[in-house]
Full PDB file with SEQRES, HELIX, SHEET, SSBOND, CRYST1, ORIGX, SCALE, CONECT and MASTER records, all heavy atoms in Angstrom:
SEQRES   1 A   31  LYS SER THR LEU LEU ASN ALA LEU LEU GLY GLU LYS LEU          
SEQRES   2 A   31  ALA ILE THR SER ALA LYS VAL GLN THR THR ARG HIS ARG          
SEQRES   3 A   31  ILE LYS GLY ILE ILE                                          
HELIX    1 AA1 SER A    2  LEU A    9  1                                   8    
CRYST1    1.000    1.000    1.000  90.00  90.00  90.00 P 1           1          
ORIGX1      1.000000  0.000000  0.000000        0.00000                         
ORIGX2      0.000000  1.000000  0.000000        0.00000                         
ORIGX3      0.000000  0.000000  1.000000        0.00000                         
SCALE1      1.000000  0.000000  0.000000        0.00000                         
SCALE2      0.000000  1.000000  0.000000        0.00000                         
SCALE3      0.000000  0.000000  1.000000        0.00000                         
ATOM      1  N   LYS A   1       0.909  -6.191   0.891  1.00  0.00           N  
ATOM      2  CA  LYS A   1       1.047  -5.917  -0.554  1.00  0.00           C  
ATOM      3  C   LYS A   1      -0.032  -4.962  -1.049  1.00  0.00           C  
ATOM      4  O   LYS A   1       0.253  -4.027  -1.800  1.00  0.00           O  
ATOM      5  CB  LYS A   1       0.998  -7.232  -1.344  1.00  0.00           C  
ATOM      6  CG  LYS A   1       2.158  -8.172  -1.040  1.00  0.00           C  
ATOM      7  CD  LYS A   1       2.082  -9.466  -1.830  1.00  0.00           C  
ATOM      8  CE  LYS A   1       0.895 -10.322  -1.439  1.00  0.00           C  
ATOM      9  NZ  LYS A   1       0.925 -10.744  -0.010  1.00  0.00           N  
ATOM     10  N   SER A   2      -1.285  -5.191  -0.662  1.00  0.00           N  
ATOM     11  CA  SER A   2      -2.378  -4.330  -1.120  1.00  0.00           C  
ATOM     12  C   SER A   2      -2.244  -2.921  -0.553  1.00  0.00           C  
ATOM     13  O   SER A   2      -2.469  -1.929  -1.257  1.00  0.00           O  
ATOM     14  CB  SER A   2      -3.730  -4.933  -0.722  1.00  0.00           C  
ATOM     15  OG  SER A   2      -3.910  -6.205  -1.305  1.00  0.00           O  
ATOM     16  N   THR A   3      -1.865  -2.817   0.703  1.00  0.00           N  
ATOM     17  CA  THR A   3      -1.657  -1.507   1.318  1.00  0.00           C  
ATOM     18  C   THR A   3      -0.531  -0.762   0.622  1.00  0.00           C  
ATOM     19  O   THR A   3      -0.617   0.454   0.386  1.00  0.00           O  
ATOM     20  CB  THR A   3      -1.352  -1.661   2.820  1.00  0.00           C  
ATOM     21  OG1 THR A   3      -2.407  -2.398   3.438  1.00  0.00           O  
ATOM     22  CG2 THR A   3      -1.221  -0.303   3.499  1.00  0.00           C  
ATOM     23  N   LEU A   4       0.526  -1.474   0.249  1.00  0.00           N  
ATOM     24  CA  LEU A   4       1.643  -0.850  -0.457  1.00  0.00           C  
ATOM     25  C   LEU A   4       1.213  -0.378  -1.845  1.00  0.00           C  
ATOM     26  O   LEU A   4       1.572   0.733  -2.268  1.00  0.00           O  
ATOM     27  CB  LEU A   4       2.826  -1.819  -0.570  1.00  0.00           C  
ATOM     28  CG  LEU A   4       4.059  -1.262  -1.296  1.00  0.00           C  
ATOM     29  CD1 LEU A   4       4.610  -0.032  -0.571  1.00  0.00           C  
ATOM     30  CD2 LEU A   4       5.136  -2.330  -1.433  1.00  0.00           C  
ATOM     31  N   LEU A   5       0.460  -1.208  -2.569  1.00  0.00           N  
ATOM     32  CA  LEU A   5      -0.039  -0.783  -3.886  1.00  0.00           C  
ATOM     33  C   LEU A   5      -0.836   0.512  -3.748  1.00  0.00           C  
ATOM     34  O   LEU A   5      -0.614   1.477  -4.500  1.00  0.00           O  
ATOM     35  CB  LEU A   5      -0.916  -1.870  -4.500  1.00  0.00           C  
ATOM     36  CG  LEU A   5      -1.603  -1.481  -5.816  1.00  0.00           C  
ATOM     37  CD1 LEU A   5      -0.587  -1.393  -6.948  1.00  0.00           C  
ATOM     38  CD2 LEU A   5      -2.702  -2.471  -6.184  1.00  0.00           C  
ATOM     39  N   ASN A   6      -1.765   0.546  -2.799  1.00  0.00           N  
ATOM     40  CA  ASN A   6      -2.587   1.740  -2.600  1.00  0.00           C  
ATOM     41  C   ASN A   6      -1.724   2.955  -2.250  1.00  0.00           C  
ATOM     42  O   ASN A   6      -1.985   4.069  -2.722  1.00  0.00           O  
ATOM     43  CB  ASN A   6      -3.618   1.497  -1.505  1.00  0.00           C  
ATOM     44  CG  ASN A   6      -4.662   0.459  -1.897  1.00  0.00           C  
ATOM     45  OD1 ASN A   6      -4.894   0.210  -3.081  1.00  0.00           O  
ATOM     46  ND2 ASN A   6      -5.288  -0.155  -0.913  1.00  0.00           N  
ATOM     47  N   ALA A   7      -0.702   2.745  -1.424  1.00  0.00           N  
ATOM     48  CA  ALA A   7       0.173   3.849  -1.022  1.00  0.00           C  
ATOM     49  C   ALA A   7       0.960   4.388  -2.211  1.00  0.00           C  
ATOM     50  O   ALA A   7       1.120   5.606  -2.365  1.00  0.00           O  
ATOM     51  CB  ALA A   7       1.127   3.388   0.078  1.00  0.00           C  
ATOM     52  N   LEU A   8       1.449   3.508  -3.055  1.00  0.00           N  
ATOM     53  CA  LEU A   8       2.205   3.937  -4.237  1.00  0.00           C  
ATOM     54  C   LEU A   8       1.319   4.691  -5.225  1.00  0.00           C  
ATOM     55  O   LEU A   8       1.751   5.663  -5.852  1.00  0.00           O  
ATOM     56  CB  LEU A   8       2.844   2.725  -4.918  1.00  0.00           C  
ATOM     57  CG  LEU A   8       4.022   2.088  -4.184  1.00  0.00           C  
ATOM     58  CD1 LEU A   8       4.326   0.703  -4.746  1.00  0.00           C  
ATOM     59  CD2 LEU A   8       5.260   2.983  -4.266  1.00  0.00           C  
ATOM     60  N   LEU A   9       0.072   4.243  -5.365  1.00  0.00           N  
ATOM     61  CA  LEU A   9      -0.861   4.888  -6.288  1.00  0.00           C  
ATOM     62  C   LEU A   9      -1.420   6.198  -5.732  1.00  0.00           C  
ATOM     63  O   LEU A   9      -1.873   7.061  -6.488  1.00  0.00           O  
ATOM     64  CB  LEU A   9      -2.031   3.956  -6.605  1.00  0.00           C  
ATOM     65  CG  LEU A   9      -1.706   2.681  -7.379  1.00  0.00           C  
ATOM     66  CD1 LEU A   9      -2.930   1.794  -7.463  1.00  0.00           C  
ATOM     67  CD2 LEU A   9      -1.189   3.008  -8.777  1.00  0.00           C  
ATOM     68  N   GLY A  10      -1.433   6.322  -4.405  1.00  0.00           N  
ATOM     69  CA  GLY A  10      -2.020   7.500  -3.786  1.00  0.00           C  
ATOM     70  C   GLY A  10      -3.526   7.446  -3.710  1.00  0.00           C  
ATOM     71  O   GLY A  10      -4.184   8.462  -3.454  1.00  0.00           O  
ATOM     72  N   GLU A  11      -4.097   6.276  -3.930  1.00  0.00           N  
ATOM     73  CA  GLU A  11      -5.536   6.078  -3.800  1.00  0.00           C  
ATOM     74  C   GLU A  11      -5.818   4.603  -3.564  1.00  0.00           C  
ATOM     75  O   GLU A  11      -4.991   3.742  -3.873  1.00  0.00           O  
ATOM     76  CB  GLU A  11      -6.294   6.558  -5.038  1.00  0.00           C  
ATOM     77  CG  GLU A  11      -5.930   5.831  -6.323  1.00  0.00           C  
ATOM     78  CD  GLU A  11      -6.710   6.365  -7.514  1.00  0.00           C  
ATOM     79  OE1 GLU A  11      -7.931   6.141  -7.552  1.00  0.00           O  
ATOM     80  OE2 GLU A  11      -6.106   7.006  -8.384  1.00  0.00           O  
ATOM     81  N   LYS A  12      -7.007   4.316  -3.031  1.00  0.00           N  
ATOM     82  CA  LYS A  12      -7.355   2.937  -2.719  1.00  0.00           C  
ATOM     83  C   LYS A  12      -7.876   2.217  -3.951  1.00  0.00           C  
ATOM     84  O   LYS A  12      -8.913   2.572  -4.496  1.00  0.00           O  
ATOM     85  CB  LYS A  12      -8.400   2.870  -1.601  1.00  0.00           C  
ATOM     86  CG  LYS A  12      -8.720   1.439  -1.183  1.00  0.00           C  
ATOM     87  CD  LYS A  12      -9.655   1.402  -0.007  1.00  0.00           C  
ATOM     88  CE  LYS A  12     -10.008  -0.027   0.374  1.00  0.00           C  
ATOM     89  NZ  LYS A  12     -10.894  -0.106   1.536  1.00  0.00           N  
ATOM     90  N   LEU A  13      -7.139   1.202  -4.376  1.00  0.00           N  
ATOM     91  CA  LEU A  13      -7.554   0.388  -5.505  1.00  0.00           C  
ATOM     92  C   LEU A  13      -7.780  -1.057  -5.067  1.00  0.00           C  
ATOM     93  O   LEU A  13      -8.725  -1.705  -5.487  1.00  0.00           O  
ATOM     94  CB  LEU A  13      -6.491   0.440  -6.610  1.00  0.00           C  
ATOM     95  CG  LEU A  13      -6.925   0.085  -8.021  1.00  0.00           C  
ATOM     96  CD1 LEU A  13      -8.002   1.054  -8.522  1.00  0.00           C  
ATOM     97  CD2 LEU A  13      -5.730   0.119  -8.977  1.00  0.00           C  
ATOM     98  N   ALA A  14      -6.902  -1.552  -4.209  1.00  0.00           N  
ATOM     99  CA  ALA A  14      -7.004  -2.932  -3.724  1.00  0.00           C  
ATOM    100  C   ALA A  14      -7.631  -2.947  -2.338  1.00  0.00           C  
ATOM    101  O   ALA A  14      -7.322  -2.101  -1.494  1.00  0.00           O  
ATOM    102  CB  ALA A  14      -5.618  -3.579  -3.674  1.00  0.00           C  
ATOM    103  N   ILE A  15      -8.528  -3.910  -2.086  1.00  0.00           N  
ATOM    104  CA  ILE A  15      -9.124  -4.027  -0.761  1.00  0.00           C  
ATOM    105  C   ILE A  15      -8.083  -4.550   0.224  1.00  0.00           C  
ATOM    106  O   ILE A  15      -7.141  -5.239  -0.152  1.00  0.00           O  
ATOM    107  CB  ILE A  15     -10.379  -4.920  -0.767  1.00  0.00           C  
ATOM    108  CG1 ILE A  15     -10.020  -6.383  -1.085  1.00  0.00           C  
ATOM    109  CG2 ILE A  15     -11.410  -4.375  -1.732  1.00  0.00           C  
ATOM    110  CD1 ILE A  15     -11.200  -7.349  -0.879  1.00  0.00           C  
ATOM    111  N   THR A  16      -8.267  -4.192   1.478  1.00  0.00           N  
ATOM    112  CA  THR A  16      -7.325  -4.620   2.511  1.00  0.00           C  
ATOM    113  C   THR A  16      -8.088  -5.182   3.702  1.00  0.00           C  
ATOM    114  O   THR A  16      -9.253  -4.882   3.916  1.00  0.00           O  
ATOM    115  CB  THR A  16      -6.449  -3.436   2.988  1.00  0.00           C  
ATOM    116  OG1 THR A  16      -7.301  -2.408   3.525  1.00  0.00           O  
ATOM    117  CG2 THR A  16      -5.621  -2.869   1.853  1.00  0.00           C  
ATOM    118  N   SER A  17      -7.398  -6.011   4.469  1.00  0.00           N  
ATOM    119  CA  SER A  17      -7.996  -6.619   5.657  1.00  0.00           C  
ATOM    120  C   SER A  17      -6.879  -7.133   6.542  1.00  0.00           C  
ATOM    121  O   SER A  17      -5.782  -7.448   6.069  1.00  0.00           O  
ATOM    122  CB  SER A  17      -8.924  -7.773   5.242  1.00  0.00           C  
ATOM    123  OG  SER A  17      -9.229  -8.597   6.342  1.00  0.00           O  
ATOM    124  N   ALA A  18      -7.157  -7.222   7.832  1.00  0.00           N  
ATOM    125  CA  ALA A  18      -6.192  -7.811   8.764  1.00  0.00           C  
ATOM    126  C   ALA A  18      -6.111  -9.323   8.594  1.00  0.00           C  
ATOM    127  O   ALA A  18      -5.180  -9.966   9.063  1.00  0.00           O  
ATOM    128  CB  ALA A  18      -6.572  -7.468  10.196  1.00  0.00           C  
ATOM    129  N   LYS A  19      -7.097  -9.903   7.909  1.00  0.00           N  
ATOM    130  CA  LYS A  19      -7.120 -11.353   7.693  1.00  0.00           C  
ATOM    131  C   LYS A  19      -6.235 -11.720   6.500  1.00  0.00           C  
ATOM    132  O   LYS A  19      -6.086 -10.950   5.557  1.00  0.00           O  
ATOM    133  CB  LYS A  19      -8.550 -11.842   7.453  1.00  0.00           C  
ATOM    134  CG  LYS A  19      -9.493 -11.628   8.635  1.00  0.00           C  
ATOM    135  CD  LYS A  19     -10.880 -12.144   8.325  1.00  0.00           C  
ATOM    136  CE  LYS A  19     -11.801 -12.037   9.535  1.00  0.00           C  
ATOM    137  NZ  LYS A  19     -12.132 -10.643   9.875  1.00  0.00           N  
ATOM    138  N   VAL A  20      -5.675 -12.935   6.534  1.00  0.00           N  
ATOM    139  CA  VAL A  20      -4.829 -13.401   5.434  1.00  0.00           C  
ATOM    140  C   VAL A  20      -5.698 -13.767   4.227  1.00  0.00           C  
ATOM    141  O   VAL A  20      -6.899 -13.972   4.346  1.00  0.00           O  
ATOM    142  CB  VAL A  20      -3.975 -14.619   5.850  1.00  0.00           C  
ATOM    143  CG1 VAL A  20      -3.039 -14.246   6.982  1.00  0.00           C  
ATOM    144  CG2 VAL A  20      -4.848 -15.811   6.237  1.00  0.00           C  
ATOM    145  N   GLN A  21      -5.049 -13.836   3.070  1.00  0.00           N  
ATOM    146  CA  GLN A  21      -5.693 -14.267   1.814  1.00  0.00           C  
ATOM    147  C   GLN A  21      -6.868 -13.375   1.415  1.00  0.00           C  
ATOM    148  O   GLN A  21      -7.851 -13.842   0.844  1.00  0.00           O  
ATOM    149  CB  GLN A  21      -6.145 -15.732   1.893  1.00  0.00           C  
ATOM    150  CG  GLN A  21      -5.005 -16.717   2.041  1.00  0.00           C  
ATOM    151  CD  GLN A  21      -5.487 -18.145   2.220  1.00  0.00           C  
ATOM    152  OE1 GLN A  21      -6.495 -18.552   1.661  1.00  0.00           O  
ATOM    153  NE2 GLN A  21      -4.744 -18.919   3.001  1.00  0.00           N  
ATOM    154  N   THR A  22      -6.753 -12.077   1.707  1.00  0.00           N  
ATOM    155  CA  THR A  22      -7.788 -11.153   1.251  1.00  0.00           C  
ATOM    156  C   THR A  22      -7.724 -10.975  -0.259  1.00  0.00           C  
ATOM    157  O   THR A  22      -8.752 -10.961  -0.944  1.00  0.00           O  
ATOM    158  CB  THR A  22      -7.628  -9.784   1.949  1.00  0.00           C  
ATOM    159  OG1 THR A  22      -7.620  -9.977   3.363  1.00  0.00           O  
ATOM    160  CG2 THR A  22      -8.754  -8.841   1.578  1.00  0.00           C  
ATOM    161  N   THR A  23      -6.504 -10.836  -0.790  1.00  0.00           N  
ATOM    162  CA  THR A  23      -6.323 -10.645  -2.235  1.00  0.00           C  
ATOM    163  C   THR A  23      -6.408 -11.978  -2.965  1.00  0.00           C  
ATOM    164  O   THR A  23      -5.662 -12.907  -2.652  1.00  0.00           O  
ATOM    165  CB  THR A  23      -4.970  -9.973  -2.524  1.00  0.00           C  
ATOM    166  OG1 THR A  23      -4.917  -8.725  -1.845  1.00  0.00           O  
ATOM    167  CG2 THR A  23      -4.782  -9.749  -4.027  1.00  0.00           C  
ATOM    168  N   ARG A  24      -7.304 -12.064  -3.942  1.00  0.00           N  
ATOM    169  CA  ARG A  24      -7.465 -13.292  -4.712  1.00  0.00           C  
ATOM    170  C   ARG A  24      -7.132 -13.106  -6.187  1.00  0.00           C  
ATOM    171  O   ARG A  24      -7.036 -14.080  -6.930  1.00  0.00           O  
ATOM    172  CB  ARG A  24      -8.908 -13.794  -4.600  1.00  0.00           C  
ATOM    173  CG  ARG A  24      -9.287 -14.257  -3.202  1.00  0.00           C  
ATOM    174  CD  ARG A  24     -10.736 -14.649  -3.142  1.00  0.00           C  
ATOM    175  NE  ARG A  24     -11.135 -15.110  -1.825  1.00  0.00           N  
ATOM    176  CZ  ARG A  24     -12.396 -15.329  -1.473  1.00  0.00           C  
ATOM    177  NH1 ARG A  24     -13.371 -15.120  -2.356  1.00  0.00           N  
ATOM    178  NH2 ARG A  24     -12.682 -15.742  -0.256  1.00  0.00           N  
ATOM    179  N   HIS A  25      -7.002 -11.866  -6.628  1.00  0.00           N  
ATOM    180  CA  HIS A  25      -6.742 -11.564  -8.029  1.00  0.00           C  
ATOM    181  C   HIS A  25      -5.470 -10.743  -8.147  1.00  0.00           C  
ATOM    182  O   HIS A  25      -5.019 -10.132  -7.189  1.00  0.00           O  
ATOM    183  CB  HIS A  25      -7.894 -10.748  -8.630  1.00  0.00           C  
ATOM    184  CG  HIS A  25      -9.233 -11.407  -8.544  1.00  0.00           C  
ATOM    185  ND1 HIS A  25      -9.752 -12.184  -9.551  1.00  0.00           N  
ATOM    186  CD2 HIS A  25     -10.172 -11.389  -7.551  1.00  0.00           C  
ATOM    187  CE1 HIS A  25     -10.954 -12.618  -9.199  1.00  0.00           C  
ATOM    188  NE2 HIS A  25     -11.222 -12.159  -7.990  1.00  0.00           N  
ATOM    189  N   ARG A  26      -4.943 -10.701  -9.352  1.00  0.00           N  
ATOM    190  CA  ARG A  26      -3.882  -9.760  -9.649  1.00  0.00           C  
ATOM    191  C   ARG A  26      -4.541  -8.421  -9.991  1.00  0.00           C  
ATOM    192  O   ARG A  26      -5.402  -8.344 -10.857  1.00  0.00           O  
ATOM    193  CB  ARG A  26      -3.057 -10.239 -10.840  1.00  0.00           C  
ATOM    194  CG  ARG A  26      -1.938  -9.285 -11.221  1.00  0.00           C  
ATOM    195  CD  ARG A  26      -1.196  -9.780 -12.441  1.00  0.00           C  
ATOM    196  NE  ARG A  26      -0.128  -8.867 -12.806  1.00  0.00           N  
ATOM    197  CZ  ARG A  26       0.651  -9.022 -13.877  1.00  0.00           C  
ATOM    198  NH1 ARG A  26       0.468 -10.061 -14.683  1.00  0.00           N  
ATOM    199  NH2 ARG A  26       1.603  -8.146 -14.144  1.00  0.00           N  
ATOM    200  N   ILE A  27      -4.144  -7.371  -9.295  1.00  0.00           N  
ATOM    201  CA  ILE A  27      -4.741  -6.050  -9.487  1.00  0.00           C  
ATOM    202  C   ILE A  27      -3.649  -5.085  -9.945  1.00  0.00           C  
ATOM    203  O   ILE A  27      -2.672  -4.854  -9.231  1.00  0.00           O  
ATOM    204  CB  ILE A  27      -5.387  -5.550  -8.191  1.00  0.00           C  
ATOM    205  CG1 ILE A  27      -6.498  -6.524  -7.759  1.00  0.00           C  
ATOM    206  CG2 ILE A  27      -5.941  -4.139  -8.366  1.00  0.00           C  
ATOM    207  CD1 ILE A  27      -7.084  -6.224  -6.406  1.00  0.00           C  
ATOM    208  N   LYS A  28      -3.820  -4.540 -11.150  1.00  0.00           N  
ATOM    209  CA  LYS A  28      -2.830  -3.623 -11.711  1.00  0.00           C  
ATOM    210  C   LYS A  28      -3.252  -2.179 -11.484  1.00  0.00           C  
ATOM    211  O   LYS A  28      -4.388  -1.795 -11.751  1.00  0.00           O  
ATOM    212  CB  LYS A  28      -2.672  -3.852 -13.215  1.00  0.00           C  
ATOM    213  CG  LYS A  28      -2.192  -5.216 -13.634  1.00  0.00           C  
ATOM    214  CD  LYS A  28      -1.882  -5.221 -15.126  1.00  0.00           C  
ATOM    215  CE  LYS A  28      -1.676  -6.636 -15.659  1.00  0.00           C  
ATOM    216  NZ  LYS A  28      -2.950  -7.314 -15.942  1.00  0.00           N  
ATOM    217  N   GLY A  29      -2.322  -1.385 -10.997  1.00  0.00           N  
ATOM    218  CA  GLY A  29      -2.494   0.057 -10.921  1.00  0.00           C  
ATOM    219  C   GLY A  29      -1.522   0.722 -11.870  1.00  0.00           C  
ATOM    220  O   GLY A  29      -0.398   0.230 -12.058  1.00  0.00           O  
ATOM    221  N   ILE A  30      -1.932   1.818 -12.468  1.00  0.00           N  
ATOM    222  CA  ILE A  30      -1.123   2.469 -13.503  1.00  0.00           C  
ATOM    223  C   ILE A  30      -0.807   3.898 -13.076  1.00  0.00           C  
ATOM    224  O   ILE A  30      -1.703   4.671 -12.749  1.00  0.00           O  
ATOM    225  CB  ILE A  30      -1.865   2.476 -14.856  1.00  0.00           C  
ATOM    226  CG1 ILE A  30      -2.270   1.056 -15.261  1.00  0.00           C  
ATOM    227  CG2 ILE A  30      -1.008   3.126 -15.942  1.00  0.00           C  
ATOM    228  CD1 ILE A  30      -3.319   0.995 -16.351  1.00  0.00           C  
ATOM    229  N   ILE A  31       0.470   4.230 -13.070  1.00  0.00           N  
ATOM    230  CA  ILE A  31       0.924   5.594 -12.784  1.00  0.00           C  
ATOM    231  C   ILE A  31       1.606   6.121 -14.040  1.00  0.00           C  
ATOM    232  O   ILE A  31       2.586   5.533 -14.528  1.00  0.00           O  
ATOM    233  CB  ILE A  31       1.915   5.633 -11.608  1.00  0.00           C  
ATOM    234  CG1 ILE A  31       1.309   4.989 -10.356  1.00  0.00           C  
ATOM    235  CG2 ILE A  31       2.344   7.066 -11.312  1.00  0.00           C  
ATOM    236  CD1 ILE A  31       2.309   4.814  -9.220  1.00  0.00           C  
TER     237      ILE A  31                                                      
MASTER        0    0    0    1    0    0    0    6  236    1    0    3          
END                                                                             
């Protein structure tokens, strides 16, 4: 999910990791 958000935005906004449960917050990106 975080990798997809970053890809859609065209920049890194959400942190990513190979480990599960990296994302703990809702992170909004605006286009």
